[in-house]
């Protein structure tokens, strides 16, 4: 009980990890694409459910999966 869905669109949202202050969740998302393969991007979402724009650009970095916070 008490679960809340944070993501909305169809696709694969995986590898969530909390920030060290527990204010954000970083995760990998691979959205459905009609023509061609989809590429994973990293996103952050805050405690209120506000989603960031993509933090990575697959054109420059390729697929970004398994996010981790650093100190």
PDB file of N, CA and C in Angstrom:
ATOM      1  N   UNK A   1       0.841  -1.187   0.000  1.00  0.00           N
ATOM      2  CA  UNK A   1       0.000   0.000   0.000  1.00  0.00           C
ATOM      3  C   UNK A   1       0.878   1.239   0.000  1.00  0.00           C
ATOM      4  N   UNK A   2       0.303   2.349  -0.372  1.00  0.00           N
ATOM      5  CA  UNK A   2       1.056   3.597  -0.394  1.00  0.00           C
ATOM      6  C   UNK A   2       1.943   3.760  -1.616  1.00  0.00           C
ATOM      7  N   UNK A   3       1.807   2.874  -2.602  1.00  0.00           N
ATOM      8  CA  UNK A   3       2.625   2.977  -3.806  1.00  0.00           C
ATOM      9  C   UNK A   3       2.037   4.026  -4.747  1.00  0.00           C
ATOM     10  N   UNK A   4       2.915   4.769  -5.416  1.00  0.00           N
ATOM     11  CA  UNK A   4       2.505   5.780  -6.379  1.00  0.00           C
ATOM     12  C   UNK A   4       3.320   5.611  -7.639  1.00  0.00           C
ATOM     13  N   UNK A   5       2.651   5.573  -8.769  1.00  0.00           N
ATOM     14  CA  UNK A   5       3.365   5.486 -10.051  1.00  0.00           C
ATOM     15  C   UNK A   5       3.957   6.852 -10.369  1.00  0.00           C
ATOM     16  N   UNK A   6       5.252   6.888 -10.686  1.00  0.00           N
ATOM     17  CA  UNK A   6       5.939   8.140 -10.983  1.00  0.00           C
ATOM     18  C   UNK A   6       6.131   8.369 -12.469  1.00  0.00           C
ATOM     19  N   UNK A   7       6.174   7.318 -13.258  1.00  0.00           N
ATOM     20  CA  UNK A   7       6.379   7.447 -14.697  1.00  0.00           C
ATOM     21  C   UNK A   7       5.046   7.330 -15.405  1.00  0.00           C
ATOM     22  N   UNK A   8       4.984   7.824 -16.659  1.00  0.00           N
ATOM     23  CA  UNK A   8       3.697   7.891 -17.344  1.00  0.00           C
ATOM     24  C   UNK A   8       3.653   7.137 -18.657  1.00  0.00           C
ATOM     25  N   UNK A   9       4.546   7.411 -19.571  1.00  0.00           N
ATOM     26  CA  UNK A   9       4.445   6.903 -20.931  1.00  0.00           C
ATOM     27  C   UNK A   9       4.843   5.436 -21.040  1.00  0.00           C
ATOM     28  N   UNK A  10       4.456   4.846 -22.167  1.00  0.00           N
ATOM     29  CA  UNK A  10       4.850   3.473 -22.456  1.00  0.00           C
ATOM     30  C   UNK A  10       6.357   3.424 -22.655  1.00  0.00           C
ATOM     31  N   UNK A  11       6.935   2.347 -22.243  1.00  0.00           N
ATOM     32  CA  UNK A  11       8.366   2.179 -22.394  1.00  0.00           C
ATOM     33  C   UNK A  11       8.935   1.445 -21.201  1.00  0.00           C
ATOM     34  N   UNK A  12      10.233   1.405 -21.148  1.00  0.00           N
ATOM     35  CA  UNK A  12      10.931   0.692 -20.100  1.00  0.00           C
ATOM     36  C   UNK A  12      11.610   1.700 -19.175  1.00  0.00           C
ATOM     37  N   UNK A  13      11.184   1.770 -17.925  1.00  0.00           N
ATOM     38  CA  UNK A  13      11.777   2.651 -16.922  1.00  0.00           C
ATOM     39  C   UNK A  13      12.425   1.752 -15.881  1.00  0.00           C
ATOM     40  N   UNK A  14      13.761   1.796 -15.821  1.00  0.00           N
ATOM     41  CA  UNK A  14      14.495   0.807 -15.034  1.00  0.00           C
ATOM     42  C   UNK A  14      15.601   1.424 -14.198  1.00  0.00           C
ATOM     43  N   UNK A  15      16.169   0.609 -13.330  1.00  0.00           N
ATOM     44  CA  UNK A  15      17.355   0.918 -12.528  1.00  0.00           C
ATOM     45  C   UNK A  15      17.212   2.177 -11.685  1.00  0.00           C
ATOM     46  N   UNK A  16      16.135   2.331 -10.916  1.00  0.00           N
ATOM     47  CA  UNK A  16      16.016   3.533 -10.085  1.00  0.00           C
ATOM     48  C   UNK A  16      17.054   3.545  -8.966  1.00  0.00           C
ATOM     49  N   UNK A  17      17.560   4.712  -8.664  1.00  0.00           N
ATOM     50  CA  UNK A  17      18.495   4.880  -7.557  1.00  0.00           C
ATOM     51  C   UNK A  17      18.236   6.224  -6.891  1.00  0.00           C
ATOM     52  N   UNK A  18      18.160   6.227  -5.561  1.00  0.00           N
ATOM     53  CA  UNK A  18      17.906   7.457  -4.805  1.00  0.00           C
ATOM     54  C   UNK A  18      19.168   8.281  -4.663  1.00  0.00           C
ATOM     55  N   UNK A  19      19.000   9.610  -4.670  1.00  0.00           N
ATOM     56  CA  UNK A  19      20.127  10.498  -4.373  1.00  0.00           C
ATOM     57  C   UNK A  19      20.501  10.322  -2.903  1.00  0.00           C
ATOM     58  N   UNK A  20      21.700  10.741  -2.533  1.00  0.00           N
ATOM     59  CA  UNK A  20      22.170  10.559  -1.160  1.00  0.00           C
ATOM     60  C   UNK A  20      21.314  11.314  -0.150  1.00  0.00           C
ATOM     61  N   UNK A  21      20.633  12.391  -0.577  1.00  0.00           N
ATOM     62  CA  UNK A  21      19.759  13.137   0.328  1.00  0.00           C
ATOM     63  C   UNK A  21      18.296  12.687   0.217  1.00  0.00           C
ATOM     64  N   UNK A  22      18.034  11.648  -0.571  1.00  0.00           N
ATOM     65  CA  UNK A  22      16.684  11.092  -0.782  1.00  0.00           C
ATOM     66  C   UNK A  22      15.694  12.091  -1.377  1.00  0.00           C
ATOM     67  N   UNK A  23      16.178  13.093  -2.072  1.00  0.00           N
ATOM     68  CA  UNK A  23      15.309  14.096  -2.692  1.00  0.00           C
ATOM     69  C   UNK A  23      14.977  13.768  -4.145  1.00  0.00           C
ATOM     70  N   UNK A  24      15.794  12.934  -4.791  1.00  0.00           N
ATOM     71  CA  UNK A  24      15.617  12.627  -6.210  1.00  0.00           C
ATOM     72  C   UNK A  24      15.787  11.138  -6.462  1.00  0.00           C
ATOM     73  N   UNK A  25      15.157  10.684  -7.547  1.00  0.00           N
ATOM     74  CA  UNK A  25      15.387   9.339  -8.052  1.00  0.00           C
ATOM     75  C   UNK A  25      15.934   9.495  -9.462  1.00  0.00           C
ATOM     76  N   UNK A  26      17.032   8.843  -9.736  1.00  0.00           N
ATOM     77  CA  UNK A  26      17.645   8.814 -11.062  1.00  0.00           C
ATOM     78  C   UNK A  26      17.280   7.467 -11.671  1.00  0.00           C
ATOM     79  N   UNK A  27      16.873   7.460 -12.954  1.00  0.00           N
ATOM     80  CA  UNK A  27      16.509   6.190 -13.587  1.00  0.00           C
ATOM     81  C   UNK A  27      16.777   6.240 -15.082  1.00  0.00           C
ATOM     82  N   UNK A  28      16.847   5.061 -15.658  1.00  0.00           N
ATOM     83  CA  UNK A  28      17.050   4.892 -17.093  1.00  0.00           C
ATOM     84  C   UNK A  28      15.691   4.648 -17.741  1.00  0.00           C
ATOM     85  N   UNK A  29      15.454   5.293 -18.896  1.00  0.00           N
ATOM     86  CA  UNK A  29      14.178   5.122 -19.593  1.00  0.00           C
ATOM     87  C   UNK A  29      14.423   4.903 -21.073  1.00  0.00           C
ATOM     88  N   UNK A  30      13.760   3.892 -21.597  1.00  0.00           N
ATOM     89  CA  UNK A  30      13.823   3.594 -23.027  1.00  0.00           C
ATOM     90  C   UNK A  30      12.394   3.661 -23.542  1.00  0.00           C
ATOM     91  N   UNK A  31      12.034   4.760 -24.186  1.00  0.00           N
ATOM     92  CA  UNK A  31      10.675   4.961 -24.676  1.00  0.00           C
ATOM     93  C   UNK A  31      10.436   4.204 -25.964  1.00  0.00           C
ATOM     94  N   UNK A  32       9.175   3.908 -26.204  1.00  0.00           N
ATOM     95  CA  UNK A  32       8.785   3.214 -27.426  1.00  0.00           C
ATOM     96  C   UNK A  32       8.956   4.158 -28.617  1.00  0.00           C
ATOM     97  N   UNK A  33       9.546   3.667 -29.696  1.00  0.00           N
ATOM     98  CA  UNK A  33       9.743   4.444 -30.916  1.00  0.00           C
ATOM     99  C   UNK A  33       9.121   3.666 -32.069  1.00  0.00           C
ATOM    100  N   UNK A  34       8.318   4.346 -32.884  1.00  0.00           N
ATOM    101  CA  UNK A  34       7.632   3.668 -33.988  1.00  0.00           C
ATOM    102  C   UNK A  34       8.600   3.163 -35.050  1.00  0.00           C
ATOM    103  N   UNK A  35       9.550   3.983 -35.442  1.00  0.00           N
ATOM    104  CA  UNK A  35      10.467   3.625 -36.527  1.00  0.00           C
ATOM    105  C   UNK A  35      11.891   3.548 -36.002  1.00  0.00           C
ATOM    106  N   UNK A  36      12.372   2.354 -35.798  1.00  0.00           N
ATOM    107  CA  UNK A  36      13.746   2.188 -35.395  1.00  0.00           C
ATOM    108  C   UNK A  36      13.904   1.868 -33.920  1.00  0.00           C
ATOM    109  N   UNK A  37      15.143   1.581 -33.515  1.00  0.00           N
ATOM    110  CA  UNK A  37      15.406   1.208 -32.124  1.00  0.00           C
ATOM    111  C   UNK A  37      15.331   2.425 -31.196  1.00  0.00           C
ATOM    112  N   UNK A  38      14.937   2.173 -29.974  1.00  0.00           N
ATOM    113  CA  UNK A  38      14.928   3.248 -28.990  1.00  0.00           C
ATOM    114  C   UNK A  38      16.241   3.217 -28.215  1.00  0.00           C
ATOM    115  N   UNK A  39      16.629   4.354 -27.690  1.00  0.00           N
ATOM    116  CA  UNK A  39      17.873   4.456 -26.931  1.00  0.00           C
ATOM    117  C   UNK A  39      17.559   4.911 -25.520  1.00  0.00           C
ATOM    118  N   UNK A  40      18.281   4.369 -24.566  1.00  0.00           N
ATOM    119  CA  UNK A  40      18.050   4.706 -23.162  1.00  0.00           C
ATOM    120  C   UNK A  40      18.610   6.084 -22.842  1.00  0.00           C
ATOM    121  N   UNK A  41      17.850   6.829 -22.047  1.00  0.00           N
ATOM    122  CA  UNK A  41      18.259   8.136 -21.544  1.00  0.00           C
ATOM    123  C   UNK A  41      18.112   8.119 -20.031  1.00  0.00           C
ATOM    124  N   UNK A  42      18.851   8.993 -19.359  1.00  0.00           N
ATOM    125  CA  UNK A  42      18.729   9.117 -17.909  1.00  0.00           C
ATOM    126  C   UNK A  42      17.855  10.313 -17.566  1.00  0.00           C
ATOM    127  N   UNK A  43      17.004  10.129 -16.552  1.00  0.00           N
ATOM    128  CA  UNK A  43      16.117  11.175 -16.057  1.00  0.00           C
ATOM    129  C   UNK A  43      16.214  11.224 -14.540  1.00  0.00           C
ATOM    130  N   UNK A  44      15.850  12.363 -13.973  1.00  0.00           N
ATOM    131  CA  UNK A  44      15.708  12.499 -12.522  1.00  0.00           C
ATOM    132  C   UNK A  44      14.279  12.944 -12.250  1.00  0.00           C
ATOM    133  N   UNK A  45      13.744  12.499 -11.133  1.00  0.00           N
ATOM    134  CA  UNK A  45      12.412  12.900 -10.710  1.00  0.00           C
ATOM    135  C   UNK A  45      12.498  13.269  -9.231  1.00  0.00           C
ATOM    136  N   UNK A  46      11.812  14.350  -8.842  1.00  0.00           N
ATOM    137  CA  UNK A  46      11.889  14.771  -7.444  1.00  0.00           C
ATOM    138  C   UNK A  46      10.760  14.167  -6.624  1.00  0.00           C
ATOM    139  N   UNK A  47      10.744  14.470  -5.334  1.00  0.00           N
ATOM    140  CA  UNK A  47       9.765  13.882  -4.410  1.00  0.00           C
ATOM    141  C   UNK A  47       8.324  14.221  -4.778  1.00  0.00           C
ATOM    142  N   UNK A  48       8.119  15.351  -5.448  1.00  0.00           N
ATOM    143  CA  UNK A  48       6.771  15.760  -5.835  1.00  0.00           C
ATOM    144  C   UNK A  48       6.342  15.177  -7.182  1.00  0.00           C
ATOM    145  N   UNK A  49       7.230  14.428  -7.840  1.00  0.00           N
ATOM    146  CA  UNK A  49       6.908  13.811  -9.117  1.00  0.00           C
ATOM    147  C   UNK A  49       7.258  14.663 -10.322  1.00  0.00           C
ATOM    148  N   UNK A  50       8.023  15.735 -10.119  1.00  0.00           N
ATOM    149  CA  UNK A  50       8.442  16.601 -11.227  1.00  0.00           C
ATOM    150  C   UNK A  50       9.607  15.942 -11.965  1.00  0.00           C
ATOM    151  N   UNK A  51       9.378  15.653 -13.244  1.00  0.00           N
ATOM    152  CA  UNK A  51      10.372  14.959 -14.061  1.00  0.00           C
ATOM    153  C   UNK A  51      11.286  15.953 -14.751  1.00  0.00           C
ATOM    154  N   UNK A  52      12.586  15.675 -14.737  1.00  0.00           N
ATOM    155  CA  UNK A  52      13.558  16.521 -15.433  1.00  0.00           C
ATOM    156  C   UNK A  52      13.502  16.246 -16.929  1.00  0.00           C
ATOM    157  N   UNK A  53      14.010  17.177 -17.738  1.00  0.00           N
ATOM    158  CA  UNK A  53      14.259  16.822 -19.142  1.00  0.00           C
ATOM    159  C   UNK A  53      15.341  15.738 -19.164  1.00  0.00           C
ATOM    160  N   UNK A  54      15.547  15.060 -20.287  1.00  0.00           N
ATOM    161  CA  UNK A  54      16.597  14.041 -20.324  1.00  0.00           C
ATOM    162  C   UNK A  54      17.936  14.627 -19.877  1.00  0.00           C
ATOM    163  N   UNK A  55      18.658  13.886 -19.048  1.00  0.00           N
ATOM    164  CA  UNK A  55      19.965  14.324 -18.572  1.00  0.00           C
ATOM    165  C   UNK A  55      21.083  13.903 -19.512  1.00  0.00           C
ATOM    166  N   UNK A  56      20.777  13.009 -20.436  1.00  0.00           N
ATOM    167  CA  UNK A  56      21.765  12.514 -21.385  1.00  0.00           C
ATOM    168  C   UNK A  56      21.222  12.604 -22.801  1.00  0.00           C
ATOM    169  N   UNK A  57      22.128  12.651 -23.763  1.00  0.00           N
ATOM    170  CA  UNK A  57      21.780  12.713 -25.179  1.00  0.00           C
ATOM    171  C   UNK A  57      22.365  11.485 -25.871  1.00  0.00           C
ATOM    172  N   UNK A  58      21.519  10.519 -26.251  1.00  0.00           N
ATOM    173  CA  UNK A  58      22.035   9.303 -26.882  1.00  0.00           C
ATOM    174  C   UNK A  58      22.873   9.562 -28.129  1.00  0.00           C
ATOM    175  N   UNK A  59      22.607  10.657 -28.838  1.00  0.00           N
ATOM    176  CA  UNK A  59      23.397  10.966 -30.035  1.00  0.00           C
ATOM    177  C   UNK A  59      24.852  11.227 -29.673  1.00  0.00           C
ATOM    178  N   UNK A  60      25.089  11.742 -28.468  1.00  0.00           N
ATOM    179  CA  UNK A  60      26.458  12.053 -28.036  1.00  0.00           C
ATOM    180  C   UNK A  60      27.063  10.955 -27.163  1.00  0.00           C
ATOM    181  N   UNK A  61      26.212  10.305 -26.358  1.00  0.00           N
ATOM    182  CA  UNK A  61      26.723   9.348 -25.378  1.00  0.00           C
ATOM    183  C   UNK A  61      26.321   7.906 -25.639  1.00  0.00           C
ATOM    184  N   UNK A  62      25.418   7.673 -26.578  1.00  0.00           N
ATOM    185  CA  UNK A  62      24.907   6.325 -26.788  1.00  0.00           C
ATOM    186  C   UNK A  62      23.895   5.979 -25.707  1.00  0.00           C
ATOM    187  N   UNK A  63      23.575   4.703 -25.567  1.00  0.00           N
ATOM    188  CA  UNK A  63      22.625   4.258 -24.553  1.00  0.00           C
ATOM    189  C   UNK A  63      23.201   4.497 -23.167  1.00  0.00           C
ATOM    190  N   UNK A  64      22.399   5.033 -22.282  1.00  0.00           N
ATOM    191  CA  UNK A  64      22.811   5.293 -20.902  1.00  0.00           C
ATOM    192  C   UNK A  64      21.932   4.469 -19.979  1.00  0.00           C
ATOM    193  N   UNK A  65      22.539   3.505 -19.339  1.00  0.00           N
ATOM    194  CA  UNK A  65      21.802   2.605 -18.457  1.00  0.00           C
ATOM    195  C   UNK A  65      22.524   2.474 -17.138  1.00  0.00           C
ATOM    196  N   UNK A  66      21.854   1.908 -16.155  1.00  0.00           N
ATOM    197  CA  UNK A  66      22.407   1.660 -14.817  1.00  0.00           C
ATOM    198  C   UNK A  66      22.986   2.913 -14.192  1.00  0.00           C
ATOM    199  N   UNK A  67      22.151   3.931 -13.951  1.00  0.00           N
ATOM    200  CA  UNK A  67      22.648   5.179 -13.373  1.00  0.00           C
ATOM    201  C   UNK A  67      23.129   4.985 -11.938  1.00  0.00           C
ATOM    202  N   UNK A  68      24.095   5.783 -11.531  1.00  0.00           N
ATOM    203  CA  UNK A  68      24.629   5.766 -10.173  1.00  0.00           C
ATOM    204  C   UNK A  68      24.968   7.186  -9.777  1.00  0.00           C
ATOM    205  N   UNK A  69      24.724   7.521  -8.518  1.00  0.00           N
ATOM    206  CA  UNK A  69      25.119   8.834  -7.974  1.00  0.00           C
ATOM    207  C   UNK A  69      26.590   8.747  -7.585  1.00  0.00           C
ATOM    208  N   UNK A  70      27.297   9.848  -7.687  1.00  0.00           N
ATOM    209  CA  UNK A  70      28.691   9.886  -7.242  1.00  0.00           C
ATOM    210  C   UNK A  70      28.820  10.897  -6.121  1.00  0.00           C
ATOM    211  N   UNK A  71      29.849  10.773  -5.360  1.00  0.00           N
ATOM    212  CA  UNK A  71      30.089  11.696  -4.239  1.00  0.00           C
ATOM    213  C   UNK A  71      30.842  12.923  -4.698  1.00  0.00           C
TER     214      UNK A  71
END
